[in-house]
């Protein structure tokens, strides 16, 4: 499992500086739903290598999370209410 420092280093990688061919395609990741939640997370990170930067086909995907208490569900409810 990655340490907090290692995760921080992965999060800090600039997507424009990376060779797309070195990234894992998210489509190749297989989730074993029979594993407990914690083991699924560990297995996902093992397969994807960098949970913040990966590819989908020929697109580079960077995941960024805000430091907030608001959940995705909260944001979606707010969006749908205003739509």
PDB file of N, CA and C in Angstrom:
ATOM      1  N   UNK A   1       0.845  -1.184   0.000  1.00  0.00           N
ATOM      2  CA  UNK A   1       0.000   0.000   0.000  1.00  0.00           C
ATOM      3  C   UNK A   1       0.885   1.240   0.000  1.00  0.00           C
ATOM      4  N   UNK A   2       0.404   2.282  -0.646  1.00  0.00           N
ATOM      5  CA  UNK A   2       1.161   3.524  -0.728  1.00  0.00           C
ATOM      6  C   UNK A   2       1.073   4.303   0.580  1.00  0.00           C
ATOM      7  N   UNK A   3       2.144   5.013   0.890  1.00  0.00           N
ATOM      8  CA  UNK A   3       2.142   5.882   2.062  1.00  0.00           C
ATOM      9  C   UNK A   3       1.482   7.211   1.692  1.00  0.00           C
ATOM     10  N   UNK A   4       1.185   8.024   2.700  1.00  0.00           N
ATOM     11  CA  UNK A   4       0.602   9.341   2.465  1.00  0.00           C
ATOM     12  C   UNK A   4       1.552  10.212   1.639  1.00  0.00           C
ATOM     13  N   UNK A   5       2.843  10.112   1.902  1.00  0.00           N
ATOM     14  CA  UNK A   5       3.827  10.878   1.127  1.00  0.00           C
ATOM     15  C   UNK A   5       3.854  10.440  -0.336  1.00  0.00           C
ATOM     16  N   UNK A   6       3.785   9.137  -0.563  1.00  0.00           N
ATOM     17  CA  UNK A   6       3.785   8.629  -1.936  1.00  0.00           C
ATOM     18  C   UNK A   6       2.530   9.083  -2.684  1.00  0.00           C
ATOM     19  N   UNK A   7       1.383   9.057  -2.009  1.00  0.00           N
ATOM     20  CA  UNK A   7       0.147   9.543  -2.623  1.00  0.00           C
ATOM     21  C   UNK A   7       0.243  11.023  -2.958  1.00  0.00           C
ATOM     22  N   UNK A   8       0.841  11.805  -2.066  1.00  0.00           N
ATOM     23  CA  UNK A   8       1.030  13.239  -2.304  1.00  0.00           C
ATOM     24  C   UNK A   8       1.908  13.473  -3.530  1.00  0.00           C
ATOM     25  N   UNK A   9       2.957  12.676  -3.677  1.00  0.00           N
ATOM     26  CA  UNK A   9       3.835  12.794  -4.846  1.00  0.00           C
ATOM     27  C   UNK A   9       3.089  12.457  -6.134  1.00  0.00           C
ATOM     28  N   UNK A  10       2.252  11.425  -6.090  1.00  0.00           N
ATOM     29  CA  UNK A  10       1.470  11.057  -7.267  1.00  0.00           C
ATOM     30  C   UNK A  10       0.480  12.155  -7.632  1.00  0.00           C
ATOM     31  N   UNK A  11      -0.137  12.771  -6.626  1.00  0.00           N
ATOM     32  CA  UNK A  11      -1.103  13.843  -6.854  1.00  0.00           C
ATOM     33  C   UNK A  11      -0.429  15.073  -7.479  1.00  0.00           C
ATOM     34  N   UNK A  12       0.847  15.280  -7.180  1.00  0.00           N
ATOM     35  CA  UNK A  12       1.558  16.480  -7.630  1.00  0.00           C
ATOM     36  C   UNK A  12       2.088  16.391  -9.057  1.00  0.00           C
ATOM     37  N   UNK A  13       1.972  15.233  -9.698  1.00  0.00           N
ATOM     38  CA  UNK A  13       2.505  15.081 -11.058  1.00  0.00           C
ATOM     39  C   UNK A  13       1.712  15.949 -12.030  1.00  0.00           C
ATOM     40  N   UNK A  14       2.430  16.689 -12.849  1.00  0.00           N
ATOM     41  CA  UNK A  14       1.822  17.546 -13.872  1.00  0.00           C
ATOM     42  C   UNK A  14       1.435  16.665 -15.063  1.00  0.00           C
ATOM     43  N   UNK A  15       0.144  16.610 -15.415  1.00  0.00           N
ATOM     44  CA  UNK A  15      -0.281  15.751 -16.516  1.00  0.00           C
ATOM     45  C   UNK A  15       0.374  16.096 -17.860  1.00  0.00           C
ATOM     46  N   UNK A  16       0.757  17.345 -18.048  1.00  0.00           N
ATOM     47  CA  UNK A  16       1.381  17.731 -19.320  1.00  0.00           C
ATOM     48  C   UNK A  16       2.822  17.247 -19.423  1.00  0.00           C
ATOM     49  N   UNK A  17       3.380  16.787 -18.300  1.00  0.00           N
ATOM     50  CA  UNK A  17       4.769  16.341 -18.309  1.00  0.00           C
ATOM     51  C   UNK A  17       4.903  14.823 -18.444  1.00  0.00           C
ATOM     52  N   UNK A  18       3.790  14.136 -18.568  1.00  0.00           N
ATOM     53  CA  UNK A  18       3.812  12.675 -18.539  1.00  0.00           C
ATOM     54  C   UNK A  18       3.613  12.104 -19.944  1.00  0.00           C
ATOM     55  N   UNK A  19       4.281  11.009 -20.230  1.00  0.00           N
ATOM     56  CA  UNK A  19       4.087  10.270 -21.480  1.00  0.00           C
ATOM     57  C   UNK A  19       2.836   9.416 -21.301  1.00  0.00           C
ATOM     58  N   UNK A  20       1.814   9.634 -22.118  1.00  0.00           N
ATOM     59  CA  UNK A  20       0.545   8.931 -21.973  1.00  0.00           C
ATOM     60  C   UNK A  20       0.722   7.418 -22.013  1.00  0.00           C
ATOM     61  N   UNK A  21       1.724   6.938 -22.717  1.00  0.00           N
ATOM     62  CA  UNK A  21       1.955   5.499 -22.823  1.00  0.00           C
ATOM     63  C   UNK A  21       2.426   4.879 -21.514  1.00  0.00           C
ATOM     64  N   UNK A  22       2.826   5.699 -20.546  1.00  0.00           N
ATOM     65  CA  UNK A  22       3.241   5.174 -19.243  1.00  0.00           C
ATOM     66  C   UNK A  22       2.070   5.073 -18.270  1.00  0.00           C
ATOM     67  N   UNK A  23       0.911   5.614 -18.664  1.00  0.00           N
ATOM     68  CA  UNK A  23      -0.263   5.584 -17.785  1.00  0.00           C
ATOM     69  C   UNK A  23      -1.072   4.313 -18.000  1.00  0.00           C
ATOM     70  N   UNK A  24      -1.774   3.894 -16.958  1.00  0.00           N
ATOM     71  CA  UNK A  24      -2.655   2.731 -17.030  1.00  0.00           C
ATOM     72  C   UNK A  24      -4.003   3.177 -17.567  1.00  0.00           C
ATOM     73  N   UNK A  25      -4.562   2.408 -18.507  1.00  0.00           N
ATOM     74  CA  UNK A  25      -5.899   2.697 -19.030  1.00  0.00           C
ATOM     75  C   UNK A  25      -6.920   2.169 -18.025  1.00  0.00           C
ATOM     76  N   UNK A  26      -7.808   3.056 -17.577  1.00  0.00           N
ATOM     77  CA  UNK A  26      -8.815   2.703 -16.577  1.00  0.00           C
ATOM     78  C   UNK A  26      -9.684   1.529 -17.048  1.00  0.00           C
ATOM     79  N   UNK A  27      -9.821   1.365 -18.360  1.00  0.00           N
ATOM     80  CA  UNK A  27     -10.636   0.268 -18.903  1.00  0.00           C
ATOM     81  C   UNK A  27     -10.022  -1.107 -18.617  1.00  0.00           C
ATOM     82  N   UNK A  28      -8.723  -1.130 -18.337  1.00  0.00           N
ATOM     83  CA  UNK A  28      -8.056  -2.408 -18.069  1.00  0.00           C
ATOM     84  C   UNK A  28      -8.149  -2.821 -16.601  1.00  0.00           C
ATOM     85  N   UNK A  29      -8.649  -1.936 -15.768  1.00  0.00           N
ATOM     86  CA  UNK A  29      -8.748  -2.225 -14.330  1.00  0.00           C
ATOM     87  C   UNK A  29     -10.010  -3.046 -14.070  1.00  0.00           C
ATOM     88  N   UNK A  30      -9.852  -4.136 -13.380  1.00  0.00           N
ATOM     89  CA  UNK A  30     -10.964  -5.018 -13.044  1.00  0.00           C
ATOM     90  C   UNK A  30     -11.182  -4.997 -11.530  1.00  0.00           C
ATOM     91  N   UNK A  31     -12.403  -4.684 -11.113  1.00  0.00           N
ATOM     92  CA  UNK A  31     -12.737  -4.620  -9.692  1.00  0.00           C
ATOM     93  C   UNK A  31     -13.375  -5.936  -9.270  1.00  0.00           C
ATOM     94  N   UNK A  32     -12.779  -6.573  -8.280  1.00  0.00           N
ATOM     95  CA  UNK A  32     -13.343  -7.806  -7.725  1.00  0.00           C
ATOM     96  C   UNK A  32     -14.332  -7.411  -6.638  1.00  0.00           C
ATOM     97  N   UNK A  33     -15.611  -7.438  -6.969  1.00  0.00           N
ATOM     98  CA  UNK A  33     -16.657  -6.986  -6.041  1.00  0.00           C
ATOM     99  C   UNK A  33     -16.857  -7.932  -4.866  1.00  0.00           C
ATOM    100  N   UNK A  34     -16.226  -9.087  -4.908  1.00  0.00           N
ATOM    101  CA  UNK A  34     -16.350 -10.029  -3.792  1.00  0.00           C
ATOM    102  C   UNK A  34     -15.373  -9.713  -2.656  1.00  0.00           C
ATOM    103  N   UNK A  35     -14.393  -8.850  -2.931  1.00  0.00           N
ATOM    104  CA  UNK A  35     -13.437  -8.458  -1.890  1.00  0.00           C
ATOM    105  C   UNK A  35     -14.072  -7.450  -0.948  1.00  0.00           C
ATOM    106  N   UNK A  36     -13.638  -7.417   0.313  1.00  0.00           N
ATOM    107  CA  UNK A  36     -14.090  -6.351   1.215  1.00  0.00           C
ATOM    108  C   UNK A  36     -13.644  -4.995   0.682  1.00  0.00           C
ATOM    109  N   UNK A  37     -14.327  -3.934   1.092  1.00  0.00           N
ATOM    110  CA  UNK A  37     -14.084  -2.583   0.584  1.00  0.00           C
ATOM    111  C   UNK A  37     -12.612  -2.192   0.642  1.00  0.00           C
ATOM    112  N   UNK A  38     -11.956  -2.397   1.776  1.00  0.00           N
ATOM    113  CA  UNK A  38     -10.559  -1.999   1.939  1.00  0.00           C
ATOM    114  C   UNK A  38      -9.652  -2.736   0.961  1.00  0.00           C
ATOM    115  N   UNK A  39      -9.918  -4.015   0.753  1.00  0.00           N
ATOM    116  CA  UNK A  39      -9.100  -4.799  -0.178  1.00  0.00           C
ATOM    117  C   UNK A  39      -9.357  -4.386  -1.623  1.00  0.00           C
ATOM    118  N   UNK A  40     -10.595  -4.004  -1.953  1.00  0.00           N
ATOM    119  CA  UNK A  40     -10.898  -3.496  -3.300  1.00  0.00           C
ATOM    120  C   UNK A  40     -10.114  -2.222  -3.571  1.00  0.00           C
ATOM    121  N   UNK A  41     -10.036  -1.332  -2.567  1.00  0.00           N
ATOM    122  CA  UNK A  41      -9.291  -0.090  -2.721  1.00  0.00           C
ATOM    123  C   UNK A  41      -7.819  -0.381  -2.968  1.00  0.00           C
ATOM    124  N   UNK A  42      -7.245  -1.253  -2.166  1.00  0.00           N
ATOM    125  CA  UNK A  42      -5.830  -1.620  -2.317  1.00  0.00           C
ATOM    126  C   UNK A  42      -5.595  -2.239  -3.696  1.00  0.00           C
ATOM    127  N   UNK A  43      -6.492  -3.121  -4.128  1.00  0.00           N
ATOM    128  CA  UNK A  43      -6.347  -3.772  -5.428  1.00  0.00           C
ATOM    129  C   UNK A  43      -6.481  -2.762  -6.568  1.00  0.00           C
ATOM    130  N   UNK A  44      -7.406  -1.812  -6.441  1.00  0.00           N
ATOM    131  CA  UNK A  44      -7.567  -0.770  -7.455  1.00  0.00           C
ATOM    132  C   UNK A  44      -6.280   0.047  -7.594  1.00  0.00           C
ATOM    133  N   UNK A  45      -5.738   0.480  -6.473  1.00  0.00           N
ATOM    134  CA  UNK A  45      -4.511   1.290  -6.511  1.00  0.00           C
ATOM    135  C   UNK A  45      -3.344   0.475  -7.070  1.00  0.00           C
ATOM    136  N   UNK A  46      -3.287  -0.798  -6.727  1.00  0.00           N
ATOM    137  CA  UNK A  46      -2.235  -1.665  -7.261  1.00  0.00           C
ATOM    138  C   UNK A  46      -2.321  -1.725  -8.784  1.00  0.00           C
ATOM    139  N   UNK A  47      -3.533  -1.819  -9.314  1.00  0.00           N
ATOM    140  CA  UNK A  47      -3.717  -1.926 -10.758  1.00  0.00           C
ATOM    141  C   UNK A  47      -3.529  -0.592 -11.481  1.00  0.00           C
ATOM    142  N   UNK A  48      -4.066   0.487 -10.944  1.00  0.00           N
ATOM    143  CA  UNK A  48      -4.070   1.782 -11.632  1.00  0.00           C
ATOM    144  C   UNK A  48      -2.739   2.523 -11.477  1.00  0.00           C
ATOM    145  N   UNK A  49      -1.964   2.165 -10.469  1.00  0.00           N
ATOM    146  CA  UNK A  49      -0.653   2.764 -10.170  1.00  0.00           C
ATOM    147  C   UNK A  49      -0.762   4.176  -9.601  1.00  0.00           C
ATOM    148  N   UNK A  50      -1.519   5.049 -10.250  1.00  0.00           N
ATOM    149  CA  UNK A  50      -1.697   6.419  -9.772  1.00  0.00           C
ATOM    150  C   UNK A  50      -3.192   6.744  -9.821  1.00  0.00           C
ATOM    151  N   UNK A  51      -3.854   6.793  -8.670  1.00  0.00           N
ATOM    152  CA  UNK A  51      -5.305   7.053  -8.668  1.00  0.00           C
ATOM    153  C   UNK A  51      -5.661   8.482  -9.073  1.00  0.00           C
ATOM    154  N   UNK A  52      -4.684   9.361  -9.183  1.00  0.00           N
ATOM    155  CA  UNK A  52      -4.921  10.754  -9.563  1.00  0.00           C
ATOM    156  C   UNK A  52      -4.679  11.029 -11.045  1.00  0.00           C
ATOM    157  N   UNK A  53      -3.966  10.131 -11.723  1.00  0.00           N
ATOM    158  CA  UNK A  53      -3.591  10.355 -13.111  1.00  0.00           C
ATOM    159  C   UNK A  53      -3.550   9.020 -13.849  1.00  0.00           C
ATOM    160  N   UNK A  54      -4.429   8.882 -14.827  1.00  0.00           N
ATOM    161  CA  UNK A  54      -4.497   7.656 -15.616  1.00  0.00           C
ATOM    162  C   UNK A  54      -5.040   8.029 -16.988  1.00  0.00           C
ATOM    163  N   UNK A  55      -5.268   7.044 -17.819  1.00  0.00           N
ATOM    164  CA  UNK A  55      -5.802   7.367 -19.137  1.00  0.00           C
ATOM    165  C   UNK A  55      -7.096   6.604 -19.391  1.00  0.00           C
ATOM    166  N   UNK A  56      -7.863   7.144 -20.314  1.00  0.00           N
ATOM    167  CA  UNK A  56      -9.065   6.509 -20.833  1.00  0.00           C
ATOM    168  C   UNK A  56      -8.936   6.579 -22.340  1.00  0.00           C
ATOM    169  N   UNK A  57      -8.538   5.460 -22.935  1.00  0.00           N
ATOM    170  CA  UNK A  57      -8.243   5.471 -24.366  1.00  0.00           C
ATOM    171  C   UNK A  57      -7.047   6.352 -24.631  1.00  0.00           C
ATOM    172  N   UNK A  58      -7.252   7.429 -25.422  1.00  0.00           N
ATOM    173  CA  UNK A  58      -6.138   8.332 -25.729  1.00  0.00           C
ATOM    174  C   UNK A  58      -6.245   9.660 -24.982  1.00  0.00           C
ATOM    175  N   UNK A  59      -7.060   9.675 -23.911  1.00  0.00           N
ATOM    176  CA  UNK A  59      -7.205  10.883 -23.092  1.00  0.00           C
ATOM    177  C   UNK A  59      -6.551  10.693 -21.728  1.00  0.00           C
ATOM    178  N   UNK A  60      -5.835  11.702 -21.278  1.00  0.00           N
ATOM    179  CA  UNK A  60      -5.264  11.702 -19.937  1.00  0.00           C
ATOM    180  C   UNK A  60      -6.328  12.233 -18.979  1.00  0.00           C
ATOM    181  N   UNK A  61      -6.558  11.516 -17.901  1.00  0.00           N
ATOM    182  CA  UNK A  61      -7.549  11.891 -16.900  1.00  0.00           C
ATOM    183  C   UNK A  61      -6.818  12.227 -15.606  1.00  0.00           C
ATOM    184  N   UNK A  62      -7.095  13.416 -15.078  1.00  0.00           N
ATOM    185  CA  UNK A  62      -6.528  13.812 -13.790  1.00  0.00           C
ATOM    186  C   UNK A  62      -7.682  14.007 -12.808  1.00  0.00           C
ATOM    187  N   UNK A  63      -7.633  13.299 -11.691  1.00  0.00           N
ATOM    188  CA  UNK A  63      -8.646  13.428 -10.642  1.00  0.00           C
ATOM    189  C   UNK A  63      -8.163  14.432  -9.613  1.00  0.00           C
ATOM    190  N   UNK A  64      -9.013  15.405  -9.338  1.00  0.00           N
ATOM    191  CA  UNK A  64      -8.698  16.439  -8.364  1.00  0.00           C
ATOM    192  C   UNK A  64      -9.875  16.543  -7.417  1.00  0.00           C
ATOM    193  N   UNK A  65      -9.589  16.609  -6.130  1.00  0.00           N
ATOM    194  CA  UNK A  65     -10.630  16.672  -5.128  1.00  0.00           C
ATOM    195  C   UNK A  65     -10.490  17.951  -4.322  1.00  0.00           C
ATOM    196  N   UNK A  66     -11.610  18.596  -4.064  1.00  0.00           N
ATOM    197  CA  UNK A  66     -11.610  19.813  -3.255  1.00  0.00           C
ATOM    198  C   UNK A  66     -11.533  19.447  -1.782  1.00  0.00           C
ATOM    199  N   UNK A  67     -10.905  20.297  -1.023  1.00  0.00           N
ATOM    200  CA  UNK A  67     -10.816  20.115   0.422  1.00  0.00           C
ATOM    201  C   UNK A  67     -12.047  20.762   1.052  1.00  0.00           C
ATOM    202  N   UNK A  68     -13.140  20.000   1.070  1.00  0.00           N
ATOM    203  CA  UNK A  68     -14.411  20.520   1.553  1.00  0.00           C
ATOM    204  C   UNK A  68     -15.211  19.414   2.231  1.00  0.00           C
ATOM    205  N   UNK A  69     -16.171  19.813   3.019  1.00  0.00           N
ATOM    206  CA  UNK A  69     -17.067  18.859   3.674  1.00  0.00           C
ATOM    207  C   UNK A  69     -18.239  18.469   2.770  1.00  0.00           C
ATOM    208  N   UNK A  70     -18.434  19.214   1.679  1.00  0.00           N
ATOM    209  CA  UNK A  70     -19.542  18.966   0.764  1.00  0.00           C
ATOM    210  C   UNK A  70     -19.280  17.693  -0.044  1.00  0.00           C
ATOM    211  N   UNK A  71     -20.272  16.818  -0.102  1.00  0.00           N
ATOM    212  CA  UNK A  71     -20.129  15.551  -0.815  1.00  0.00           C
ATOM    213  C   UNK A  71     -20.569  15.705  -2.268  1.00  0.00           C
ATOM    214  N   UNK A  72     -20.230  14.711  -3.069  1.00  0.00           N
ATOM    215  CA  UNK A  72     -20.678  14.689  -4.452  1.00  0.00           C
ATOM    216  C   UNK A  72     -22.200  14.664  -4.507  1.00  0.00           C
ATOM    217  N   UNK A  73     -22.822  13.896  -3.626  1.00  0.00           N
ATOM    218  CA  UNK A  73     -24.292  13.857  -3.587  1.00  0.00           C
ATOM    219  C   UNK A  73     -24.871  15.235  -3.307  1.00  0.00           C
ATOM    220  N   UNK A  74     -24.260  15.972  -2.389  1.00  0.00           N
ATOM    221  CA  UNK A  74     -24.725  17.334  -2.097  1.00  0.00           C
ATOM    222  C   UNK A  74     -24.660  18.197  -3.349  1.00  0.00           C
ATOM    223  N   UNK A  75     -23.553  18.124  -4.062  1.00  0.00           N
ATOM    224  CA  UNK A  75     -23.378  18.935  -5.278  1.00  0.00           C
ATOM    225  C   UNK A  75     -24.383  18.547  -6.356  1.00  0.00           C
ATOM    226  N   UNK A  76     -24.605  17.240  -6.522  1.00  0.00           N
ATOM    227  CA  UNK A  76     -25.564  16.795  -7.530  1.00  0.00           C
ATOM    228  C   UNK A  76     -26.987  17.241  -7.194  1.00  0.00           C
ATOM    229  N   UNK A  77     -27.355  17.159  -5.926  1.00  0.00           N
ATOM    230  CA  UNK A  77     -28.679  17.636  -5.512  1.00  0.00           C
ATOM    231  C   UNK A  77     -28.821  19.123  -5.788  1.00  0.00           C
ATOM    232  N   UNK A  78     -27.783  19.884  -5.470  1.00  0.00           N
ATOM    233  CA  UNK A  78     -27.792  21.332  -5.713  1.00  0.00           C
ATOM    234  C   UNK A  78     -27.911  21.612  -7.210  1.00  0.00           C
ATOM    235  N   UNK A  79     -27.172  20.873  -8.014  1.00  0.00           N
ATOM    236  CA  UNK A  79     -27.200  21.069  -9.462  1.00  0.00           C
ATOM    237  C   UNK A  79     -28.591  20.767 -10.011  1.00  0.00           C
ATOM    238  N   UNK A  80     -29.180  19.640  -9.606  1.00  0.00           N
ATOM    239  CA  UNK A  80     -30.481  19.228 -10.122  1.00  0.00           C
ATOM    240  C   UNK A  80     -31.583  20.177  -9.653  1.00  0.00           C
ATOM    241  N   UNK A  81     -31.439  20.708  -8.450  1.00  0.00           N
ATOM    242  CA  UNK A  81     -32.420  21.646  -7.926  1.00  0.00           C
ATOM    243  C   UNK A  81     -32.426  22.939  -8.750  1.00  0.00           C
ATOM    244  N   UNK A  82     -31.240  23.359  -9.214  1.00  0.00           N
ATOM    245  CA  UNK A  82     -31.111  24.606  -9.972  1.00  0.00           C
ATOM    246  C   UNK A  82     -31.300  24.422 -11.472  1.00  0.00           C
ATOM    247  N   UNK A  83     -31.394  23.184 -11.921  1.00  0.00           N
ATOM    248  CA  UNK A  83     -31.505  22.914 -13.375  1.00  0.00           C
ATOM    249  C   UNK A  83     -32.895  23.213 -13.903  1.00  0.00           C
TER     250      UNK A  83
END
